[in-house]
Protein backbone atom coordinates (compact mmCIF):
# COMPACT_ATOMS: atom_id res chain seq x y z
CA MET A 1 17.08 5.61 -25.45
CA ASN A 2 19.17 2.59 -24.25
CA ASP A 3 22.16 2.62 -21.55
CA VAL A 4 25.23 1.61 -24.28
CA THR A 5 27.83 3.76 -23.65
CA LEU A 6 31.73 4.39 -25.09
CA ALA A 7 32.98 1.43 -22.65
CA SER A 8 30.11 -1.67 -23.49
CA PRO A 9 31.61 -4.24 -25.27
CA LEU A 10 29.74 -5.12 -28.35
CA THR A 11 29.78 -8.92 -29.60
CA LEU A 12 29.70 -8.88 -33.70
CA PRO A 13 27.40 -11.88 -35.53
CA CYS A 14 30.28 -13.93 -35.70
CA GLY A 15 31.41 -13.81 -32.12
CA VAL A 16 33.91 -11.40 -31.53
CA THR A 17 33.59 -9.58 -29.37
CA VAL A 18 34.72 -6.24 -29.30
CA LYS A 19 36.01 -4.20 -26.27
CA ASN A 20 34.34 -0.95 -26.71
CA ARG A 21 32.56 1.27 -29.03
CA PHE A 22 35.04 3.10 -30.64
CA GLY A 23 36.58 2.39 -34.50
CA LYS A 24 39.61 3.67 -35.65
CA ALA A 25 38.18 4.50 -39.49
CA PRO A 26 40.34 3.34 -42.35
CA LEU A 27 42.95 6.13 -44.04
CA THR A 28 44.94 5.52 -46.74
CA GLU A 29 48.97 5.26 -45.64
CA GLY A 30 51.48 5.03 -48.66
CA LEU A 31 53.79 3.23 -46.77
CA SER A 32 54.81 0.44 -48.94
CA ASP A 33 57.95 -0.58 -49.81
CA ALA A 34 59.11 -0.50 -53.68
CA TRP A 35 57.34 -4.22 -54.05
CA ASN A 36 54.12 -2.84 -52.51
CA ARG A 37 54.62 -4.72 -49.26
CA ALA A 38 54.21 -3.70 -45.98
CA THR A 39 57.06 -2.46 -43.85
CA GLU A 40 58.21 -2.00 -40.54
CA ARG A 41 56.09 1.69 -40.43
CA HIS A 42 53.28 -0.15 -40.48
CA ALA A 43 53.96 -2.07 -37.64
CA SER A 44 54.80 1.45 -36.16
CA LEU A 45 51.86 2.97 -36.78
CA TYR A 46 49.12 0.42 -36.32
CA GLY A 47 51.08 -0.51 -32.65
CA ARG A 48 50.21 3.16 -31.65
CA TRP A 49 46.22 2.96 -33.22
CA ALA A 50 46.21 -0.28 -30.94
CA ALA A 51 47.75 1.11 -27.71
CA GLY A 52 45.39 4.20 -28.10
CA GLY A 53 42.22 1.86 -27.23
CA ALA A 54 39.83 1.77 -29.77
CA GLY A 55 38.04 -1.26 -30.31
CA ILE A 56 38.36 -1.87 -33.81
CA VAL A 57 41.10 -0.76 -36.09
CA VAL A 58 40.51 -0.85 -39.96
CA THR A 59 43.76 -0.27 -42.09
CA GLY A 60 43.83 1.52 -45.14
CA ASN A 61 43.00 0.29 -48.38
CA VAL A 62 45.11 -2.94 -49.16
CA GLN A 63 45.08 -3.24 -53.14
CA ILE A 64 44.17 -6.75 -54.63
CA ASP A 65 45.61 -6.10 -57.86
CA ARG A 66 49.16 -4.67 -58.35
CA ARG A 67 47.99 -3.09 -62.30
CA TYR A 68 45.85 -0.73 -60.11
CA LEU A 69 46.39 1.35 -57.55
CA GLU A 70 44.30 3.99 -55.65
CA ARG A 71 47.93 5.70 -54.67
CA PRO A 72 51.85 5.65 -54.53
CA GLY A 73 52.75 3.10 -52.08
CA ASN A 74 49.37 0.86 -51.28
CA VAL A 75 50.35 -2.39 -49.81
CA VAL A 76 49.28 -4.95 -52.33
CA ILE A 77 48.11 -8.79 -51.94
CA ASP A 78 47.60 -10.42 -55.32
CA GLY A 79 49.48 -13.58 -55.20
CA PRO A 80 52.05 -16.10 -53.77
CA GLN A 81 53.77 -13.60 -51.26
CA ASP A 82 57.72 -13.96 -50.43
CA GLU A 83 58.39 -14.95 -46.87
CA GLN A 84 59.89 -10.61 -46.65
CA ALA A 85 56.33 -10.19 -47.22
CA LEU A 86 54.64 -12.47 -45.20
CA ALA A 87 56.62 -11.47 -42.10
CA ALA A 88 55.80 -7.98 -42.72
CA LEU A 89 52.25 -8.78 -42.84
CA ARG A 90 52.98 -11.07 -39.47
CA ALA A 91 54.55 -8.19 -37.64
CA TYR A 92 52.06 -5.57 -39.19
CA ALA A 93 48.64 -7.60 -37.56
CA ALA A 94 50.79 -8.18 -34.44
CA ALA A 95 50.90 -4.68 -33.42
CA GLY A 96 47.66 -3.89 -34.67
CA THR A 97 46.44 -6.36 -32.67
CA ALA A 98 47.80 -5.69 -29.22
CA ASN A 99 45.89 -4.68 -26.50
CA ASP A 100 42.66 -6.94 -27.51
CA THR A 101 42.03 -4.68 -30.87
CA VAL A 102 40.36 -6.46 -33.69
CA LEU A 103 42.21 -5.37 -36.45
CA LEU A 104 40.51 -5.33 -39.92
CA MET A 105 42.26 -5.12 -42.90
CA GLN A 106 40.19 -2.98 -45.59
CA ILE A 107 41.25 -4.62 -49.29
CA SER A 108 40.12 -2.77 -52.49
CA HIS A 109 40.34 -2.55 -56.10
CA PRO A 110 40.14 0.89 -57.13
CA GLY A 111 38.77 0.52 -60.60
CA ARG A 112 38.52 3.77 -62.67
CA GLN A 113 39.56 5.64 -59.17
CA THR A 114 43.27 5.00 -60.05
CA PRO A 115 45.51 8.02 -60.78
CA ARG A 116 47.18 8.50 -64.02
CA ARG A 117 50.55 8.58 -62.73
CA VAL A 118 50.07 4.84 -61.30
CA CYS A 119 48.09 3.24 -64.04
CA GLU A 120 47.33 4.29 -67.73
CA ASN A 121 44.77 1.50 -68.37
CA PRO A 122 42.48 1.59 -65.62
CA VAL A 123 39.08 -0.60 -65.36
CA ALA A 124 35.71 -0.53 -64.67
CA PRO A 125 31.89 -2.09 -64.85
CA SER A 126 31.69 0.56 -67.81
CA ALA A 127 33.82 2.48 -70.03
CA VAL A 128 32.67 5.48 -68.39
CA PRO A 129 35.39 8.54 -67.31
CA LEU A 130 35.47 10.41 -64.09
CA ALA A 131 34.37 13.91 -64.51
CA LEU A 132 37.55 14.93 -63.66
CA PRO A 133 40.91 16.01 -65.49
CA GLU A 134 42.19 13.34 -67.78
CA SER A 135 45.18 14.37 -67.17
CA ALA A 136 44.91 13.05 -63.68
CA PHE A 137 42.65 9.93 -64.62
CA ALA A 138 42.88 8.18 -67.70
CA HIS A 139 39.57 7.07 -69.67
CA PRO A 140 39.02 3.53 -68.44
CA ARG A 141 37.91 0.05 -70.61
CA ALA A 142 34.76 -2.27 -69.25
CA MET A 143 35.78 -5.11 -67.53
CA THR A 144 35.46 -8.53 -69.48
CA ALA A 145 33.12 -11.34 -67.36
CA ASP A 146 36.06 -13.31 -66.95
CA GLU A 147 37.75 -10.51 -65.35
CA VAL A 148 34.68 -9.91 -63.35
CA THR A 149 35.30 -13.49 -62.31
CA ASP A 150 38.95 -12.77 -61.55
CA VAL A 151 38.15 -10.08 -59.24
CA ILE A 152 36.11 -12.28 -56.92
CA ALA A 153 39.17 -14.77 -56.73
CA ARG A 154 41.29 -11.87 -56.17
CA PHE A 155 39.42 -10.16 -52.82
CA THR A 156 39.09 -13.93 -51.66
CA HIS A 157 42.73 -14.65 -52.13
CA THR A 158 43.68 -11.07 -49.96
CA ALA A 159 41.15 -11.88 -47.32
CA LYS A 160 42.89 -15.29 -46.66
CA VAL A 161 46.05 -13.77 -46.57
CA ALA A 162 45.04 -11.58 -43.60
CA ARG A 163 43.50 -14.54 -42.07
CA ASP A 164 46.76 -16.19 -42.47
CA THR A 165 49.21 -13.65 -41.29
CA GLY A 166 47.22 -13.02 -37.99
CA PHE A 167 44.50 -10.19 -39.19
CA SER A 168 41.00 -10.31 -36.92
CA GLY A 169 39.20 -10.30 -40.51
CA VAL A 170 38.67 -7.82 -43.50
CA GLN A 171 36.94 -4.59 -44.47
CA VAL A 172 35.34 -4.91 -48.35
CA HIS A 173 35.79 -1.18 -49.44
CA SER A 174 32.50 -0.80 -51.23
CA ALA A 175 31.70 2.85 -51.06
CA HIS A 176 33.92 6.21 -52.53
CA GLY A 177 33.66 5.08 -56.12
CA TYR A 178 35.82 2.43 -56.25
CA LEU A 179 35.48 -0.77 -58.06
CA LEU A 180 32.52 -2.39 -56.20
CA SER A 181 30.86 0.91 -55.94
CA GLN A 182 31.38 1.80 -59.82
CA PHE A 183 29.13 -1.44 -60.07
CA LEU A 184 26.61 -0.42 -57.82
CA THR A 185 25.61 2.37 -59.39
CA PRO A 186 23.41 2.57 -62.59
CA LEU A 187 26.01 5.74 -63.63
CA VAL A 188 29.06 3.43 -64.18
CA ASN A 189 27.31 0.04 -64.05
CA ARG A 190 25.89 0.26 -68.03
CA ARG A 191 26.40 -3.87 -68.53
CA ASP A 192 23.63 -5.88 -70.03
CA ASP A 193 24.77 -9.24 -68.78
CA GLU A 194 24.40 -10.95 -65.03
CA TRP A 195 26.62 -7.95 -63.82
CA GLY A 196 24.49 -4.79 -64.85
CA GLY A 197 20.96 -3.72 -65.70
CA SER A 198 18.68 -4.26 -62.15
CA LEU A 199 19.87 -3.72 -58.41
CA GLU A 200 20.27 -7.21 -57.60
CA ASN A 201 22.59 -7.73 -61.15
CA ARG A 202 24.78 -4.60 -59.91
CA ALA A 203 25.19 -5.79 -56.39
CA ARG A 204 25.88 -9.38 -57.30
CA LEU A 205 29.57 -8.49 -57.17
CA LEU A 206 29.86 -7.30 -54.16
CA LEU A 207 27.59 -10.08 -52.53
CA THR A 208 29.40 -12.88 -54.16
CA VAL A 209 32.80 -11.43 -52.60
CA VAL A 210 31.18 -11.29 -49.56
CA ARG A 211 30.40 -14.88 -49.45
CA ALA A 212 33.18 -16.15 -51.25
CA ILE A 213 35.30 -14.52 -48.37
CA ARG A 214 33.25 -16.34 -45.52
CA ASP A 215 33.27 -20.05 -47.17
CA ALA A 216 37.22 -19.48 -47.54
CA CYS A 217 38.29 -18.02 -44.13
CA GLY A 218 35.37 -19.69 -41.77
CA PRO A 219 32.60 -18.61 -39.52
CA ARG A 220 35.39 -16.64 -36.92
CA PHE A 221 36.59 -14.59 -39.33
CA VAL A 222 34.95 -10.68 -38.97
CA ILE A 223 33.85 -9.61 -42.19
CA SER A 224 33.03 -6.03 -42.15
CA VAL A 225 31.86 -3.25 -45.23
CA LYS A 226 31.93 -0.32 -45.89
CA LEU A 227 28.72 1.11 -48.20
CA ASN A 228 27.76 4.17 -49.41
CA SER A 229 24.52 5.91 -47.68
CA SER A 230 24.14 7.70 -51.18
CA ASP A 231 26.60 8.17 -54.24
CA PHE A 232 24.93 12.39 -53.87
CA GLN A 233 24.48 12.13 -58.04
CA GLN A 234 21.29 12.85 -59.52
CA GLY A 235 20.49 8.78 -60.85
CA GLY A 236 23.39 6.78 -59.50
CA PHE A 237 23.07 4.45 -56.24
CA ASP A 238 20.84 6.44 -53.87
CA SER A 239 19.75 5.81 -50.12
CA SER A 240 16.74 3.24 -51.20
CA ASP A 241 19.08 1.22 -52.81
CA SER A 242 21.56 1.34 -50.14
CA LEU A 243 18.86 0.22 -47.76
CA GLN A 244 18.23 -2.79 -49.95
CA VAL A 245 21.69 -3.85 -50.42
CA VAL A 246 22.42 -3.35 -46.21
CA GLN A 247 19.79 -6.24 -46.21
CA TRP A 248 21.36 -8.52 -48.68
CA LEU A 249 24.33 -7.84 -46.84
CA GLU A 250 22.97 -9.32 -43.54
CA ASP A 251 21.44 -12.41 -45.88
CA ALA A 252 24.80 -12.69 -46.71
CA GLY A 253 26.53 -12.70 -43.44
CA ILE A 254 28.39 -10.05 -42.63
CA ASP A 255 29.52 -8.74 -38.93
CA HIS A 256 30.25 -5.16 -39.17
CA LEU A 257 28.70 -2.50 -41.39
CA GLU A 258 30.27 1.05 -41.85
CA ILE A 259 28.54 3.94 -43.15
CA SER A 260 29.88 6.70 -45.66
CA GLY A 261 29.05 8.49 -48.77
CA GLY A 262 30.08 10.35 -51.74
CA ASN A 263 32.88 9.41 -54.29
CA TYR A 264 35.80 11.33 -56.13
CA GLU A 265 33.37 13.29 -57.90
CA GLU A 266 31.13 14.16 -55.41
CA PRO A 267 33.35 14.06 -52.20
CA SER A 268 30.75 14.29 -49.47
CA MET A 269 32.60 12.17 -47.46
CA MET A 270 33.56 15.26 -46.22
CA GLY A 271 30.52 16.01 -44.71
CA SER A 272 28.45 18.41 -46.92
CA LYS A 273 25.42 16.85 -48.02
CA THR A 274 22.59 14.20 -46.58
CA SER A 275 21.83 10.82 -47.92
CA GLU A 276 19.24 12.44 -50.33
CA GLY A 277 21.97 14.52 -51.64
CA THR A 278 20.46 18.03 -49.94
CA GLU A 279 22.70 20.22 -47.90
CA VAL A 280 23.49 19.15 -44.37
CA ALA A 281 20.75 20.63 -41.87
CA ALA A 282 21.85 22.85 -38.96
CA SER A 283 20.33 20.08 -36.79
CA THR A 284 22.43 17.39 -38.11
CA VAL A 285 25.46 19.51 -37.99
CA LYS A 286 24.81 19.83 -34.55
CA ARG A 287 24.42 16.21 -33.86
CA GLU A 288 27.99 15.89 -35.48
CA ALA A 289 28.23 12.70 -37.38
CA TYR A 290 27.79 13.43 -41.31
CA PHE A 291 25.37 10.26 -41.99
CA LEU A 292 23.49 9.78 -38.60
CA ASP A 293 20.32 10.64 -40.55
CA TYR A 294 20.54 7.75 -42.61
CA ALA A 295 21.59 5.47 -39.54
CA GLU A 296 18.62 6.07 -38.29
CA GLN A 297 16.90 4.82 -41.63
CA ILE A 298 19.64 1.94 -41.68
CA ARG A 299 18.55 0.70 -37.69
CA GLY A 300 14.75 0.25 -39.34
CA VAL A 301 15.46 -2.51 -41.78
CA THR A 302 18.71 -4.29 -40.45
CA LYS A 303 20.27 -5.48 -37.01
CA LEU A 304 23.96 -5.35 -38.46
CA PRO A 305 26.30 -3.82 -35.53
CA LEU A 306 26.70 -0.31 -37.49
CA MET A 307 30.07 1.97 -37.12
CA VAL A 308 29.55 5.75 -38.76
CA THR A 309 32.68 7.69 -39.49
CA GLY A 310 32.84 11.71 -39.84
CA GLY A 311 32.20 14.61 -37.55
CA PHE A 312 32.14 13.31 -34.08
CA ARG A 313 34.03 15.40 -32.26
CA THR A 314 32.92 15.93 -28.75
CA ARG A 315 32.11 12.76 -25.92
CA ALA A 316 28.82 14.18 -25.47
CA GLY A 317 27.72 13.87 -29.40
CA MET A 318 29.17 10.25 -29.20
CA GLU A 319 27.45 9.28 -26.48
CA GLU A 320 23.52 10.37 -27.32
CA ALA A 321 24.11 8.88 -30.49
CA LEU A 322 25.17 5.75 -29.34
CA ALA A 323 22.23 6.26 -26.34
CA SER A 324 19.87 6.60 -29.32
CA GLY A 325 20.05 3.12 -31.00
CA ALA A 326 20.72 4.54 -34.43
CA LEU A 327 24.48 2.80 -34.71
CA ASP A 328 26.34 0.34 -32.73
CA MET A 329 30.17 2.53 -32.67
CA ILE A 330 31.44 5.31 -33.24
CA GLY A 331 34.15 5.78 -36.00
CA LEU A 332 37.37 8.42 -35.62
CA GLY A 333 39.20 9.18 -38.88
CA ARG A 334 41.60 12.42 -39.08
CA PRO A 335 41.51 13.34 -35.22
CA MET A 336 43.26 9.68 -34.78
CA CYS A 337 46.04 10.63 -37.67
CA VAL A 338 47.30 13.11 -34.89
CA ASP A 339 46.49 12.10 -31.64
CA THR A 340 46.11 7.51 -31.62
CA ASP A 341 45.41 7.76 -28.26
CA ALA A 342 42.02 9.62 -28.68
CA PRO A 343 39.87 6.92 -27.57
CA ASN A 344 42.00 6.17 -24.35
CA ARG A 345 40.98 10.07 -23.94
CA LEU A 346 38.01 9.66 -24.02
CA LEU A 347 37.50 7.10 -21.70
CA ALA A 348 39.14 8.60 -19.13
CA GLY A 349 36.99 11.77 -19.10
CA ALA A 350 38.16 13.69 -22.02
CA GLU A 351 35.10 16.44 -23.50
CA SER A 352 36.14 16.00 -26.83
CA VAL A 353 38.98 15.20 -29.73
CA ALA A 354 40.65 18.05 -31.22
CA ALA A 355 39.58 19.18 -34.46
CA TYR A 356 42.75 20.70 -36.17
CA GLU A 357 41.00 20.91 -39.75
CA ARG A 358 39.79 24.04 -38.16
CA GLY A 359 42.83 25.32 -37.91
CA ILE A 360 44.16 24.59 -41.59
CA LYS A 361 44.15 26.86 -44.23
CA PRO A 362 44.11 26.85 -46.82
CA ALA A 363 41.25 24.06 -46.30
CA LYS A 364 42.14 22.05 -49.26
CA ALA A 365 45.93 21.26 -47.35
CA GLY A 366 43.80 18.94 -45.21
CA LEU A 367 44.25 15.88 -47.12
CA GLY A 368 48.32 16.43 -46.64
CA TRP A 369 48.22 18.06 -43.52
CA PHE A 370 46.63 14.74 -41.99
CA ALA A 371 48.45 12.28 -44.11
CA LEU A 372 51.93 13.36 -43.03
CA ASN A 373 51.31 13.33 -39.36
CA LEU A 374 50.45 9.63 -40.45
CA ILE A 375 53.45 9.03 -42.41
CA ARG A 376 55.66 11.01 -38.79
CA HIS A 377 53.55 8.05 -36.50
CA GLY A 378 55.05 5.35 -39.12
CA ASP A 379 58.16 7.09 -38.65
CA GLY A 380 58.32 7.00 -34.78
CA LEU A 381 58.16 10.60 -34.54
CA ASP A 382 55.58 12.59 -32.64
CA PRO A 383 52.91 14.23 -34.89
CA ASP A 384 53.60 18.08 -36.53
CA ARG A 385 50.58 19.98 -34.39
CA GLU A 386 52.39 23.31 -35.90
CA MET A 387 52.68 22.51 -39.55
CA THR A 388 50.73 25.09 -41.53
CA GLY A 389 48.53 24.39 -44.51
CA ALA A 390 51.08 25.52 -46.45
CA GLU A 391 54.00 23.22 -45.53
CA ALA A 392 51.65 20.53 -45.98
CA MET A 393 50.44 21.06 -49.09
CA GLU A 394 54.31 21.44 -50.62
CA ALA A 395 55.25 18.52 -47.93
CA TYR A 396 52.93 16.24 -49.38
CA VAL A 397 53.47 16.55 -53.17
CA ALA A 398 57.16 16.00 -52.58
CA ASN A 399 56.31 13.00 -50.49
CA GLU A 400 53.90 11.84 -53.25
CA GLU A 401 56.29 12.14 -56.29
CA ALA A 402 58.98 10.29 -54.13
CA THR A 403 57.04 7.58 -53.40
CA ALA A 404 55.94 7.12 -57.10
CA GLN A 405 59.25 7.25 -57.90
CA MET A 406 60.36 4.34 -56.14
CA LEU A 407 57.74 2.15 -57.31
CA GLU A 408 58.32 3.20 -60.95
CA GLY A 409 59.50 0.06 -62.72
CA ARG A 410 60.02 -1.47 -59.39
CA THR A 411 57.35 -3.96 -59.10
CA PRO A 412 57.90 -7.52 -59.76
């Protein structure tokens, strides 16, 4: 046990100090304009999160290639930015770094996990389709060696734009089944070149991206990685693989690690399974954090600052986790879609954050319910805590369709 509290500062390996132990976890927003540029809604939303007190705020995933989106309305940085795009990014960064907040742009490529409505020709390490309806996700083709190399350049370019427009750093998304995560798992990566086969080869793309960003952006730029503890799929990327990759990431010089798990086929980031793929034990549920068991393993192999997201709701549970030394930061996601000031409330003595998901019926409406409240913040409105699950489902589908129609045929 140690004497770290929720209010304790944390100095990252690059020398940047985080003011407390709260991190706002990345949450996809869908707030771009028709050309996938940031908008005033980003500044509004991230200004609220910065004022809310979290030491680190991580953005929703910003795409490195407009051909491959995670959803309609993603921000994309994939080439020279016009002045309007740069001005919007600067306003976004200025709002999100207020109140001494460390703002990390999450940068990503969805690979085969790009919806058919925004991409009919996805790519992946190998031509392995998702085990999901083909009507939702098209069959991917295997990337060429030149395309893999191009991905490195794209991640690096996006990170440089983030740095130049005022973001504190980036989080490289290598979890939840997106492209870098696809390279890590032998279930999707069946290549026989330098990017496939052994774990060392499968991790080569992620590690090369991290090193390229460090070389391009300098020693004081924060580099975080979001990594799966496991994909929770038999024969896939497992906890022993993850522990090895963590050690390689520390050697590569990252500053911050966020642990999650699962993918679109096995969405265990919602907290139903352990890093070994078994059902979560009652003791783990009581301790709240979905991935705390893995955090305890990772502490044995690395000293990297570690953030665990998923399940934390009570101040007592958060303080216990920090005191154990298993992690360094408490990640909050869904609660901050509604209560953007949840960190300030907890630091002021609140006993818990609201577990709104427990009241949403049907449960599958939860995604839309939280996303719509996030959008309300972007529009400068108060959250709608009384919205029903049925209302959320209907409104969210309508919002997605409207965003997709806005984007259709409008990208340059």
